[in-house]
Amino acid sequence: MSRDLLLHIQEPLDADARRALLAHLERSLGLTAPSHVSAKPHLLFCPADADRVPPHVVLQAVRERGYHARLVDL
């Protein structure tokens, strides 16, 4: 079952950085566009199917891009 993950990223993301990061997640993990976009530049929603792509894998992919990120449990 797919649901959005909320990531808190220490570095603020402008629109271009957000798009680039989401494109990376789509290419590397097969994730699609999020159903919600936060107005706060340090929060990122991204879809994930825990059976296919566990949250820790998404977090690691974000960190590999040089961001300091944490999962936020909703």
N, C-alpha and C. Protein backbone atom coordinates (compact mmCIF):
# COMPACT_ATOMS: atom_id res chain seq x y z
N MET A 1 0.84 -1.17 0.00
CA MET A 1 0.00 0.00 0.00
C MET A 1 0.89 1.24 0.00
N SER A 2 0.58 2.18 -0.85
CA SER A 2 1.38 3.38 -0.97
C SER A 2 0.84 4.48 -0.05
N ARG A 3 1.77 5.18 0.60
CA ARG A 3 1.41 6.34 1.39
C ARG A 3 2.58 7.31 1.32
N ASP A 4 2.32 8.55 1.64
CA ASP A 4 3.39 9.53 1.60
C ASP A 4 4.24 9.46 2.85
N LEU A 5 5.54 9.58 2.65
CA LEU A 5 6.48 9.75 3.74
C LEU A 5 6.75 11.24 3.87
N LEU A 6 6.98 11.68 5.08
CA LEU A 6 7.37 13.07 5.30
C LEU A 6 8.82 13.06 5.75
N LEU A 7 9.64 13.77 5.01
CA LEU A 7 11.05 13.90 5.33
C LEU A 7 11.34 15.31 5.80
N HIS A 8 12.05 15.43 6.90
CA HIS A 8 12.53 16.73 7.36
C HIS A 8 13.97 16.84 6.89
N ILE A 9 14.24 17.83 6.07
CA ILE A 9 15.56 18.01 5.50
C ILE A 9 16.16 19.27 6.10
N GLN A 10 17.34 19.14 6.65
CA GLN A 10 17.98 20.26 7.34
C GLN A 10 18.18 21.44 6.39
N GLU A 11 18.57 21.16 5.16
CA GLU A 11 18.80 22.21 4.18
C GLU A 11 17.47 22.60 3.53
N PRO A 12 17.16 23.89 3.44
CA PRO A 12 15.92 24.29 2.75
C PRO A 12 16.00 23.95 1.26
N LEU A 13 14.90 23.47 0.73
CA LEU A 13 14.85 23.10 -0.69
C LEU A 13 14.09 24.17 -1.47
N ASP A 14 14.74 24.79 -2.45
CA ASP A 14 13.99 25.67 -3.34
C ASP A 14 13.28 24.77 -4.37
N ALA A 15 12.49 25.38 -5.23
CA ALA A 15 11.69 24.59 -6.18
C ALA A 15 12.56 23.71 -7.07
N ASP A 16 13.69 24.24 -7.54
CA ASP A 16 14.57 23.46 -8.41
C ASP A 16 15.21 22.29 -7.67
N ALA A 17 15.65 22.53 -6.44
CA ALA A 17 16.26 21.44 -5.66
C ALA A 17 15.23 20.37 -5.34
N ARG A 18 14.01 20.78 -5.03
CA ARG A 18 12.93 19.82 -4.75
C ARG A 18 12.66 18.95 -5.97
N ARG A 19 12.54 19.59 -7.14
CA ARG A 19 12.30 18.84 -8.38
C ARG A 19 13.44 17.88 -8.68
N ALA A 20 14.67 18.34 -8.49
CA ALA A 20 15.83 17.49 -8.76
C ALA A 20 15.86 16.28 -7.82
N LEU A 21 15.58 16.51 -6.56
CA LEU A 21 15.58 15.42 -5.60
C LEU A 21 14.47 14.42 -5.90
N LEU A 22 13.29 14.91 -6.19
CA LEU A 22 12.18 14.00 -6.54
C LEU A 22 12.47 13.24 -7.82
N ALA A 23 13.11 13.89 -8.80
CA ALA A 23 13.48 13.20 -10.04
C ALA A 23 14.50 12.10 -9.75
N HIS A 24 15.44 12.37 -8.86
CA HIS A 24 16.42 11.35 -8.46
C HIS A 24 15.71 10.15 -7.82
N LEU A 25 14.75 10.42 -6.93
CA LEU A 25 14.02 9.33 -6.27
C LEU A 25 13.19 8.54 -7.28
N GLU A 26 12.66 9.23 -8.27
CA GLU A 26 11.90 8.53 -9.31
C GLU A 26 12.81 7.63 -10.13
N ARG A 27 13.96 8.16 -10.54
CA ARG A 27 14.89 7.38 -11.36
C ARG A 27 15.48 6.21 -10.58
N SER A 28 15.92 6.46 -9.35
CA SER A 28 16.64 5.43 -8.62
C SER A 28 15.74 4.42 -7.92
N LEU A 29 14.55 4.87 -7.47
CA LEU A 29 13.68 3.99 -6.69
C LEU A 29 12.32 3.74 -7.34
N GLY A 30 12.03 4.44 -8.42
CA GLY A 30 10.75 4.25 -9.09
C GLY A 30 9.59 4.95 -8.41
N LEU A 31 9.87 5.93 -7.55
CA LEU A 31 8.80 6.66 -6.86
C LEU A 31 8.16 7.66 -7.82
N THR A 32 6.89 7.91 -7.62
CA THR A 32 6.18 8.88 -8.44
C THR A 32 6.07 10.21 -7.71
N ALA A 33 5.43 11.17 -8.33
CA ALA A 33 5.28 12.50 -7.73
C ALA A 33 4.47 12.41 -6.44
N PRO A 34 4.78 13.24 -5.46
CA PRO A 34 4.04 13.21 -4.20
C PRO A 34 2.62 13.74 -4.38
N SER A 35 1.72 13.30 -3.51
CA SER A 35 0.33 13.76 -3.59
C SER A 35 0.17 15.11 -2.89
N HIS A 36 1.20 15.54 -2.15
CA HIS A 36 1.13 16.79 -1.41
C HIS A 36 2.50 17.46 -1.47
N VAL A 37 2.50 18.78 -1.64
CA VAL A 37 3.74 19.55 -1.62
C VAL A 37 3.66 20.51 -0.46
N SER A 38 4.64 20.45 0.41
CA SER A 38 4.66 21.33 1.58
C SER A 38 5.11 22.73 1.17
N ALA A 39 4.51 23.72 1.79
CA ALA A 39 4.91 25.11 1.58
C ALA A 39 6.20 25.41 2.35
N LYS A 40 6.57 24.53 3.26
CA LYS A 40 7.79 24.74 4.05
C LYS A 40 8.98 24.14 3.30
N PRO A 41 10.02 24.94 3.06
CA PRO A 41 11.13 24.49 2.20
C PRO A 41 11.98 23.37 2.78
N HIS A 42 11.81 23.04 4.04
CA HIS A 42 12.62 21.96 4.63
C HIS A 42 11.85 20.66 4.78
N LEU A 43 10.60 20.64 4.32
CA LEU A 43 9.80 19.41 4.40
C LEU A 43 9.54 18.88 3.00
N LEU A 44 9.63 17.58 2.85
CA LEU A 44 9.41 16.95 1.56
C LEU A 44 8.54 15.73 1.75
N PHE A 45 7.42 15.71 1.05
CA PHE A 45 6.58 14.52 1.00
C PHE A 45 7.03 13.70 -0.20
N CYS A 46 7.11 12.40 -0.02
CA CYS A 46 7.38 11.54 -1.16
C CYS A 46 6.62 10.23 -0.96
N PRO A 47 6.08 9.71 -2.06
CA PRO A 47 5.30 8.48 -1.95
C PRO A 47 6.22 7.28 -1.75
N ALA A 48 5.73 6.31 -1.02
CA ALA A 48 6.50 5.09 -0.84
C ALA A 48 5.57 3.93 -0.55
N ASP A 49 5.89 2.83 -1.13
CA ASP A 49 5.20 1.58 -0.85
C ASP A 49 6.17 0.76 0.00
N ALA A 50 5.86 0.66 1.28
CA ALA A 50 6.79 0.03 2.23
C ALA A 50 7.14 -1.41 1.84
N ASP A 51 6.27 -2.08 1.12
CA ASP A 51 6.57 -3.45 0.69
C ASP A 51 7.59 -3.46 -0.45
N ARG A 52 7.57 -2.41 -1.27
CA ARG A 52 8.46 -2.35 -2.43
C ARG A 52 9.71 -1.52 -2.14
N VAL A 53 9.52 -0.37 -1.50
CA VAL A 53 10.63 0.52 -1.16
C VAL A 53 10.46 0.95 0.30
N PRO A 54 11.15 0.32 1.21
CA PRO A 54 11.01 0.67 2.62
C PRO A 54 11.47 2.11 2.90
N PRO A 55 10.90 2.73 3.92
CA PRO A 55 11.25 4.12 4.24
C PRO A 55 12.75 4.35 4.44
N HIS A 56 13.45 3.41 5.05
CA HIS A 56 14.88 3.63 5.26
C HIS A 56 15.66 3.68 3.95
N VAL A 57 15.16 3.02 2.91
CA VAL A 57 15.80 3.07 1.59
C VAL A 57 15.61 4.46 0.98
N VAL A 58 14.41 5.02 1.14
CA VAL A 58 14.14 6.38 0.65
C VAL A 58 15.05 7.37 1.37
N LEU A 59 15.13 7.24 2.69
CA LEU A 59 15.97 8.13 3.49
C LEU A 59 17.43 8.04 3.04
N GLN A 60 17.92 6.85 2.82
CA GLN A 60 19.30 6.68 2.38
C GLN A 60 19.53 7.33 1.02
N ALA A 61 18.58 7.20 0.11
CA ALA A 61 18.72 7.82 -1.22
C ALA A 61 18.79 9.34 -1.12
N VAL A 62 18.03 9.92 -0.20
CA VAL A 62 18.08 11.37 0.01
C VAL A 62 19.43 11.76 0.60
N ARG A 63 19.90 11.01 1.55
CA ARG A 63 21.19 11.31 2.18
C ARG A 63 22.34 11.16 1.20
N GLU A 64 22.22 10.23 0.27
CA GLU A 64 23.27 10.05 -0.75
C GLU A 64 23.40 11.27 -1.64
N ARG A 65 22.38 12.09 -1.71
CA ARG A 65 22.43 13.34 -2.49
C ARG A 65 23.04 14.48 -1.68
N GLY A 66 23.50 14.19 -0.46
CA GLY A 66 24.17 15.18 0.35
C GLY A 66 23.29 15.93 1.33
N TYR A 67 22.03 15.53 1.45
CA TYR A 67 21.12 16.19 2.37
C TYR A 67 21.16 15.50 3.74
N HIS A 68 20.93 16.28 4.77
CA HIS A 68 20.79 15.76 6.12
C HIS A 68 19.29 15.64 6.38
N ALA A 69 18.78 14.43 6.37
CA ALA A 69 17.34 14.21 6.43
C ALA A 69 16.97 13.22 7.52
N ARG A 70 15.73 13.37 7.97
CA ARG A 70 15.13 12.44 8.94
C ARG A 70 13.70 12.16 8.53
N LEU A 71 13.24 10.97 8.86
CA LEU A 71 11.84 10.63 8.65
C LEU A 71 11.00 11.23 9.77
N VAL A 72 9.84 11.76 9.43
CA VAL A 72 8.90 12.28 10.42
C VAL A 72 7.75 11.30 10.46
N ASP A 73 7.46 10.76 11.63
CA ASP A 73 6.36 9.82 11.79
C ASP A 73 5.06 10.61 11.96
N LEU A 74 4.12 10.35 11.07
CA LEU A 74 2.85 11.07 11.14
C LEU A 74 1.85 10.31 11.95
